[in-house]
Amino acid sequence: MASIIISPNKYVQGKGELAKLADYAKNFGKKPFILISEGGKKRFGSLIEKSFEGTDAELIFEAFHGECSRNEINRLVEIVKAKECDMVIAVGGGKIFDTGKAVAYYCGTPVIVAPTIAGTDAPCSALSVIYTDDGVFEEYLWLPANPNLVLVDTDIIAKAPARLLVSGMGDALATYFEARACQTSNATSCAGGTITIAAITLAKVCYETLIEEGLKAKLACEQNVCTTAVEKIIEANTLLSGIGFESGGLAGAHAIHNGLTAVKDCHHLYHGEKVAFGTITQLVLENADTDLLDEVIGFCMDVGLPTTFEDLGIKDVEKAKDALMEAAELAAAPTDTCGNMPVEITAEKVYAAMIAADALGRYYKGL
């Protein structure tokens, strides 16, 4: 099997870049379909409109309805076709990106992704994660190409709630460990081949950046300032994790996240928060050494990522046992990515690893 690495055509990161959106968009068309939340339009709509002043572009704004579901994608595809838009611009967070990428794919248009948060590694990938209208994981939609452009305005991201940046760290935390697992098992990555030296190197640098810069970036973001640490974490969350997970591969952490989407107590959590607990669970499945568990769990505690069931919103574990077993069964399903792990996977083993991960988290917290 060939080794493959894929990435967006262009990645731009810097202060004030969203104000230059029109300069980049002119290379793709004249009638952009701009997918954005209602709140996002209130915050950034005028900045986007000002960027296009003096051009002959016709902007079509559409509010995102909240879930990257088949129904939402189909609704938006009809609008893009009816309005004859020639590109899609997705502005906001992970589910908006994934929806915008899917809409662009079905409409045959270029797509620009403009994150206003660094909460997931979705911006750079050729993948859309599809949920039901109620937010339960349904399937992965593998796309034939990565976004044409990822435009990251660090000033805007630094002013977003720090919890979102931390969630992005949780998503990025899984990147190296999942890539390493896929490399060990010789699994096929999301890019369709085995892992390259470049991809595993990016994944490792992603992890090292989180450990070195994560707490500093969180503290700075809480003060709404963009420091060098914040800029490095934005790149780790977005680009390093984006290329690292896609060309490195997914394994236990994201499969466990997908299982946890079926647990109602966890619905208030962001994607990366559930992935962080999934990462600890994956390390338990691998029987990781104590020094590594010290580092990973300590990092999660420092920046505020979940390490226990209580952190996930599961207050009564006894009452939640059936739901947790269902989550384990979903994570271990042949259709998900736990099969890329270099160890035998069963629902019972995943369930036991989640219970043990919670026990480790409580131990480190002194509970």
Protein backbone atom coordinates (compact mmCIF):
# COMPACT_ATOMS: atom_id res chain seq x y z
CA MET A 1 0.00 0.00 0.00
CA ALA A 2 1.22 3.50 -0.83
CA SER A 3 2.09 6.07 1.84
CA ILE A 4 -0.06 9.18 1.40
CA ILE A 5 -0.22 12.68 2.90
CA ILE A 6 -2.90 15.25 2.04
CA SER A 7 -3.54 18.85 3.11
CA PRO A 8 -5.50 21.98 2.16
CA ASN A 9 -4.31 23.75 -0.98
CA LYS A 10 -3.37 26.81 1.06
CA TYR A 11 -3.22 27.61 4.77
CA VAL A 12 -3.02 31.24 5.91
CA GLN A 13 -2.72 32.23 9.60
CA GLY A 14 -2.24 35.72 10.96
CA LYS A 15 -3.76 38.77 12.59
CA GLY A 16 -6.54 40.56 10.71
CA GLU A 17 -6.77 37.98 7.91
CA LEU A 18 -10.59 37.78 7.84
CA ALA A 19 -10.66 41.41 6.68
CA LYS A 20 -8.76 40.24 3.58
CA LEU A 21 -11.27 37.51 2.72
CA ALA A 22 -12.28 39.10 -0.60
CA ASP A 23 -8.67 39.16 -1.80
CA TYR A 24 -8.51 35.40 -1.43
CA ALA A 25 -12.07 34.64 -2.56
CA LYS A 26 -11.69 36.42 -5.91
CA ASN A 27 -9.59 33.50 -7.10
CA PHE A 28 -12.55 31.13 -6.80
CA GLY A 29 -15.64 33.00 -8.02
CA LYS A 30 -17.94 35.99 -7.75
CA LYS A 31 -20.99 34.71 -5.89
CA PRO A 32 -19.99 33.22 -2.54
CA PHE A 33 -22.43 31.30 -0.40
CA ILE A 34 -21.44 32.26 3.16
CA LEU A 35 -22.49 29.72 5.78
CA ILE A 36 -22.37 31.25 9.26
CA SER A 37 -24.34 31.12 12.51
CA GLU A 38 -26.75 33.95 13.34
CA GLY A 39 -24.45 35.02 16.17
CA GLY A 40 -21.44 34.81 13.88
CA LYS A 41 -23.07 37.09 11.34
CA LYS A 42 -23.79 39.66 14.03
CA ARG A 43 -20.13 39.59 15.08
CA PHE A 44 -18.37 39.24 11.73
CA GLY A 45 -20.94 39.96 9.01
CA SER A 46 -20.04 43.62 8.61
CA LEU A 47 -16.32 42.80 8.52
CA ILE A 48 -16.94 40.30 5.72
CA GLU A 49 -19.17 42.70 3.81
CA LYS A 50 -16.59 45.47 4.13
CA SER A 51 -13.93 43.15 2.75
CA PHE A 52 -15.98 42.77 -0.46
CA GLU A 53 -16.74 46.48 -0.87
CA GLY A 54 -15.69 47.75 -4.27
CA THR A 55 -15.81 44.29 -5.84
CA ASP A 56 -18.47 42.87 -8.14
CA ALA A 57 -19.09 39.92 -5.83
CA GLU A 58 -22.65 39.12 -4.74
CA LEU A 59 -22.74 37.74 -1.20
CA ILE A 60 -25.36 35.17 -0.18
CA PHE A 61 -25.46 34.71 3.62
CA GLU A 62 -27.24 31.72 5.12
CA ALA A 63 -27.64 30.85 8.81
CA PHE A 64 -26.45 27.44 9.97
CA HIS A 65 -29.11 25.46 11.84
CA GLY A 66 -26.76 23.83 14.33
CA GLU A 67 -26.06 20.25 13.23
CA CYS A 68 -23.98 18.77 10.42
CA SER A 69 -26.78 16.40 9.48
CA ARG A 70 -27.98 15.00 6.18
CA ASN A 71 -31.11 17.14 6.40
CA GLU A 72 -29.10 20.33 6.95
CA ILE A 73 -26.68 19.52 4.14
CA ASN A 74 -29.52 18.81 1.72
CA ARG A 75 -31.29 22.04 2.70
CA LEU A 76 -28.19 24.10 1.99
CA VAL A 77 -27.37 22.32 -1.27
CA GLU A 78 -30.77 23.33 -2.61
CA ILE A 79 -30.13 26.99 -1.71
CA VAL A 80 -26.66 27.03 -3.31
CA LYS A 81 -28.04 25.56 -6.52
CA ALA A 82 -31.08 27.84 -6.57
CA LYS A 83 -28.94 30.96 -6.01
CA GLU A 84 -26.30 29.71 -8.50
CA CYS A 85 -23.44 30.38 -6.07
CA ASP A 86 -19.97 29.49 -7.34
CA MET A 87 -18.15 28.93 -4.03
CA VAL A 88 -18.88 28.11 -0.40
CA ILE A 89 -17.31 30.04 2.48
CA ALA A 90 -17.79 28.41 5.90
CA VAL A 91 -17.23 30.83 8.80
CA GLY A 92 -17.33 29.69 12.43
CA GLY A 93 -16.64 26.35 14.09
CA GLY A 94 -16.27 22.65 13.37
CA LYS A 95 -19.81 21.64 12.44
CA ILE A 96 -20.13 24.66 10.15
CA PHE A 97 -16.87 23.68 8.42
CA ASP A 98 -17.95 20.09 7.97
CA THR A 99 -21.35 21.16 6.65
CA GLY A 100 -19.80 23.71 4.29
CA LYS A 101 -17.29 21.17 2.95
CA ALA A 102 -20.08 18.65 2.30
CA VAL A 103 -22.27 21.25 0.59
CA ALA A 104 -19.39 22.36 -1.64
CA TYR A 105 -18.70 18.73 -2.55
CA TYR A 106 -22.29 18.03 -3.57
CA CYS A 107 -22.50 21.31 -5.48
CA GLY A 108 -19.12 20.94 -7.18
CA THR A 109 -17.78 24.29 -5.95
CA PRO A 110 -14.55 25.42 -4.25
CA VAL A 111 -14.69 25.87 -0.48
CA ILE A 112 -12.98 28.35 1.83
CA VAL A 113 -12.90 27.63 5.56
CA ALA A 114 -12.53 30.63 7.89
CA PRO A 115 -12.39 29.53 11.55
CA THR A 116 -13.44 31.99 14.24
CA ILE A 117 -12.43 29.46 16.91
CA ALA A 118 -9.65 26.88 17.15
CA GLY A 119 -11.92 24.29 18.71
CA THR A 120 -11.35 21.32 16.37
CA ASP A 121 -9.01 20.12 13.62
CA ALA A 122 -11.89 20.10 11.10
CA PRO A 123 -10.83 23.15 9.02
CA CYS A 124 -8.06 21.44 7.04
CA SER A 125 -9.56 18.00 6.41
CA ALA A 126 -11.24 16.26 3.50
CA LEU A 127 -13.77 14.82 5.91
CA SER A 128 -17.21 15.75 7.20
CA VAL A 129 -18.53 14.13 10.37
CA ILE A 130 -22.26 13.56 9.92
CA TYR A 131 -24.61 13.56 12.92
CA THR A 132 -28.32 13.02 13.30
CA ASP A 133 -30.47 16.11 13.75
CA ASP A 134 -30.25 15.36 17.50
CA GLY A 135 -26.43 15.40 17.55
CA VAL A 136 -25.68 11.67 17.66
CA PHE A 137 -22.77 10.51 15.49
CA GLU A 138 -23.99 8.83 12.30
CA GLU A 139 -21.15 8.43 9.78
CA TYR A 140 -18.00 9.84 8.23
CA LEU A 141 -18.31 11.45 4.81
CA TRP A 142 -14.94 11.12 3.07
CA LEU A 143 -14.44 13.91 0.56
CA PRO A 144 -12.28 13.75 -2.58
CA ALA A 145 -10.34 16.91 -1.77
CA ASN A 146 -9.29 19.16 1.11
CA PRO A 147 -10.47 22.77 1.32
CA ASN A 148 -9.11 25.15 -1.30
CA LEU A 149 -8.15 27.65 1.40
CA VAL A 150 -8.08 27.74 5.20
CA LEU A 151 -8.00 31.34 6.45
CA VAL A 152 -7.21 31.72 10.17
CA ASP A 153 -7.50 35.12 11.87
CA THR A 154 -5.59 34.77 15.14
CA ASP A 155 -6.93 38.01 16.63
CA ILE A 156 -10.51 36.75 16.32
CA ILE A 157 -9.69 33.31 17.71
CA ALA A 158 -7.81 34.77 20.69
CA LYS A 159 -10.94 36.71 21.65
CA ALA A 160 -13.18 33.63 21.58
CA PRO A 161 -13.95 31.86 24.88
CA ALA A 162 -10.87 30.06 26.21
CA ARG A 163 -12.92 26.87 26.61
CA LEU A 164 -13.08 26.60 22.81
CA LEU A 165 -9.31 26.82 22.44
CA VAL A 166 -8.96 24.20 25.17
CA SER A 167 -11.46 21.96 23.38
CA GLY A 168 -9.27 22.25 20.30
CA MET A 169 -6.35 21.09 22.39
CA GLY A 170 -8.39 18.06 23.44
CA ASP A 171 -9.02 17.19 19.81
CA ALA A 172 -5.35 17.74 18.96
CA LEU A 173 -4.23 15.68 21.96
CA ALA A 174 -5.43 12.51 20.24
CA THR A 175 -3.55 13.16 17.00
CA TYR A 176 -0.16 11.67 17.83
CA PHE A 177 -1.49 8.72 19.81
CA GLU A 178 -3.97 7.73 17.11
CA ALA A 179 -1.35 8.15 14.36
CA ARG A 180 1.11 6.09 16.39
CA ALA A 181 -1.48 3.35 16.86
CA CYS A 182 -2.24 3.31 13.12
CA GLN A 183 1.47 3.19 12.32
CA THR A 184 1.96 0.23 14.67
CA SER A 185 -1.01 -1.69 13.25
CA ASN A 186 -0.20 -0.65 9.66
CA ALA A 187 -3.74 0.66 9.32
CA THR A 188 -4.99 2.71 6.41
CA SER A 189 -5.22 6.40 7.25
CA CYS A 190 -8.05 8.76 6.36
CA ALA A 191 -5.92 9.79 3.37
CA GLY A 192 -6.22 6.28 1.92
CA GLY A 193 -2.71 4.96 2.52
CA THR A 194 -0.17 4.22 5.21
CA ILE A 195 1.42 6.97 7.25
CA THR A 196 4.32 9.04 5.90
CA ILE A 197 7.34 10.23 7.85
CA ALA A 198 6.00 13.76 7.40
CA ALA A 199 2.59 12.94 8.89
CA ILE A 200 3.89 11.15 11.99
CA THR A 201 6.40 13.97 12.51
CA LEU A 202 3.67 16.62 12.34
CA ALA A 203 1.53 14.58 14.72
CA LYS A 204 4.39 14.31 17.23
CA VAL A 205 5.19 18.03 16.98
CA CYS A 206 1.49 18.71 17.56
CA TYR A 207 1.63 16.81 20.87
CA GLU A 208 4.91 18.44 21.92
CA THR A 209 3.46 21.90 21.19
CA LEU A 210 0.41 21.20 23.35
CA ILE A 211 2.54 20.11 26.29
CA GLU A 212 4.90 23.09 25.97
CA GLU A 213 2.48 25.88 25.07
CA GLY A 214 -1.01 24.73 26.09
CA LEU A 215 -1.31 26.14 29.59
CA LYS A 216 0.35 29.43 28.59
CA ALA A 217 -2.04 29.77 25.67
CA LYS A 218 -5.10 29.05 27.81
CA LEU A 219 -4.14 31.68 30.38
CA ALA A 220 -3.47 34.27 27.67
CA CYS A 221 -6.73 33.48 25.88
CA GLU A 222 -8.62 33.98 29.15
CA GLN A 223 -7.30 37.56 29.04
CA ASN A 224 -8.34 37.93 25.37
CA VAL A 225 -4.78 38.50 24.17
CA CYS A 226 -2.92 36.80 21.34
CA THR A 227 0.57 35.79 22.44
CA THR A 228 3.15 33.62 20.72
CA ALA A 229 1.87 30.66 22.75
CA VAL A 230 -1.69 31.29 21.51
CA GLU A 231 -0.48 31.47 17.89
CA LYS A 232 1.40 28.18 18.29
CA ILE A 233 -1.60 26.44 19.83
CA ILE A 234 -3.88 27.75 17.07
CA GLU A 235 -1.53 26.19 14.51
CA ALA A 236 -1.30 22.95 16.50
CA ASN A 237 -5.08 22.69 16.88
CA THR A 238 -5.79 23.55 13.27
CA LEU A 239 -2.96 22.65 10.89
CA LEU A 240 -0.72 20.17 12.72
CA SER A 241 -3.65 18.21 14.10
CA GLY A 242 -5.58 18.54 10.84
CA ILE A 243 -2.86 17.02 8.69
CA GLY A 244 -1.71 14.71 11.48
CA PHE A 245 -5.07 13.04 12.10
CA GLU A 246 -6.03 12.78 8.45
CA SER A 247 -2.77 11.47 7.07
CA GLY A 248 -1.88 9.66 10.29
CA GLY A 249 -5.22 8.00 10.93
CA LEU A 250 -7.92 7.71 13.57
CA ALA A 251 -8.05 4.99 16.21
CA GLY A 252 -9.48 4.61 19.71
CA ALA A 253 -9.85 8.19 20.93
CA HIS A 254 -12.25 9.36 18.23
CA ALA A 255 -14.20 6.10 18.22
CA ILE A 256 -14.76 6.53 21.97
CA HIS A 257 -15.81 10.13 21.35
CA ASN A 258 -18.34 8.86 18.83
CA GLY A 259 -19.68 6.41 21.37
CA LEU A 260 -20.02 9.12 23.99
CA THR A 261 -22.25 11.17 21.66
CA ALA A 262 -24.97 8.62 22.46
CA VAL A 263 -24.73 9.39 26.21
CA LYS A 264 -27.21 12.17 27.00
CA ASP A 265 -25.21 13.38 29.99
CA CYS A 266 -22.37 14.29 27.59
CA HIS A 267 -24.37 16.33 25.08
CA HIS A 268 -23.28 19.65 26.60
CA LEU A 269 -19.62 18.91 25.89
CA TYR A 270 -17.59 20.09 22.93
CA HIS A 271 -16.06 17.59 20.51
CA GLY A 272 -12.51 17.96 21.80
CA GLU A 273 -13.57 17.58 25.43
CA LYS A 274 -14.97 14.11 24.70
CA VAL A 275 -11.94 13.27 22.53
CA ALA A 276 -9.60 14.10 25.43
CA PHE A 277 -11.29 11.50 27.64
CA GLY A 278 -11.21 9.15 24.65
CA THR A 279 -7.45 9.67 24.46
CA ILE A 280 -6.94 8.68 28.08
CA THR A 281 -9.15 5.63 27.47
CA GLN A 282 -7.09 4.70 24.40
CA LEU A 283 -3.90 4.90 26.46
CA VAL A 284 -5.49 2.55 29.00
CA LEU A 285 -6.34 0.14 26.17
CA GLU A 286 -2.67 0.24 25.15
CA ASN A 287 -1.52 -0.15 28.77
CA ALA A 288 0.59 3.01 28.44
CA ASP A 289 3.40 3.52 30.92
CA THR A 290 2.91 5.59 34.06
CA ASP A 291 5.14 8.47 32.95
CA LEU A 292 3.06 9.02 29.84
CA LEU A 293 -0.20 8.84 31.78
CA ASP A 294 1.25 11.35 34.26
CA GLU A 295 2.01 13.75 31.43
CA VAL A 296 -1.28 13.38 29.54
CA ILE A 297 -3.60 13.43 32.57
CA GLY A 298 -1.59 16.26 34.14
CA PHE A 299 -1.91 18.28 30.95
CA CYS A 300 -5.66 17.70 30.82
CA MET A 301 -6.04 18.78 34.44
CA ASP A 302 -3.89 21.89 33.89
CA VAL A 303 -5.89 23.19 30.93
CA GLY A 304 -9.31 21.96 32.09
CA LEU A 305 -10.05 18.94 29.90
CA PRO A 306 -12.17 16.07 31.27
CA THR A 307 -10.38 13.24 33.05
CA THR A 308 -13.32 11.67 34.92
CA PHE A 309 -16.93 10.70 34.28
CA GLU A 310 -17.98 13.54 36.56
CA ASP A 311 -16.09 15.97 34.31
CA LEU A 312 -18.10 14.54 31.40
CA GLY A 313 -21.35 15.27 33.23
CA ILE A 314 -21.95 11.66 34.32
CA LYS A 315 -22.74 12.09 38.02
CA ASP A 316 -24.15 8.64 38.79
CA VAL A 317 -21.92 6.00 37.17
CA GLU A 318 -24.03 3.12 38.47
CA LYS A 319 -27.12 4.56 36.82
CA ALA A 320 -25.14 5.30 33.62
CA LYS A 321 -23.67 1.79 33.23
CA ASP A 322 -26.05 0.79 30.45
CA ALA A 323 -25.39 4.02 28.56
CA LEU A 324 -21.64 3.59 28.96
CA MET A 325 -21.87 0.03 27.69
CA GLU A 326 -23.82 1.28 24.68
CA ALA A 327 -21.08 3.88 24.10
CA ALA A 328 -18.46 1.11 24.29
CA GLU A 329 -20.40 -1.02 21.80
CA LEU A 330 -20.62 1.89 19.37
CA ALA A 331 -16.90 2.64 19.76
CA ALA A 332 -15.97 -1.01 19.14
CA ALA A 333 -18.24 -1.37 16.11
CA PRO A 334 -16.51 -2.53 12.91
CA THR A 335 -17.74 0.64 11.19
CA ASP A 336 -15.72 2.89 13.51
CA THR A 337 -11.96 3.33 13.94
CA CYS A 338 -11.16 1.32 17.08
CA GLY A 339 -10.24 -1.47 14.68
CA ASN A 340 -7.10 0.53 13.83
CA MET A 341 -5.75 -0.10 17.33
CA PRO A 342 -2.79 -2.48 17.61
CA VAL A 343 -4.58 -4.44 20.35
CA GLU A 344 -7.67 -6.65 20.34
CA ILE A 345 -10.83 -4.56 20.67
CA THR A 346 -14.16 -5.68 22.09
CA ALA A 347 -16.98 -3.66 23.62
CA GLU A 348 -16.14 -5.19 27.00
CA LYS A 349 -12.51 -4.07 26.73
CA VAL A 350 -13.53 -0.52 25.75
CA TYR A 351 -16.00 -0.37 28.64
CA ALA A 352 -13.35 -1.59 31.08
CA ALA A 353 -10.87 0.99 29.74
CA MET A 354 -13.39 3.81 30.25
CA ILE A 355 -14.02 2.69 33.83
CA ALA A 356 -10.25 2.51 34.44
CA ALA A 357 -9.67 5.91 32.81
CA ASP A 358 -12.22 7.44 35.18
CA ALA A 359 -10.50 5.75 38.13
CA LEU A 360 -7.14 7.17 37.02
CA GLY A 361 -8.64 10.63 36.71
CA ARG A 362 -10.11 10.43 40.19
CA TYR A 363 -6.80 9.16 41.56
CA TYR A 364 -4.86 12.06 40.07
CA LYS A 365 -7.45 14.50 41.43
CA GLY A 366 -7.21 12.91 44.88
CA LEU A 367 -10.87 11.90 44.86
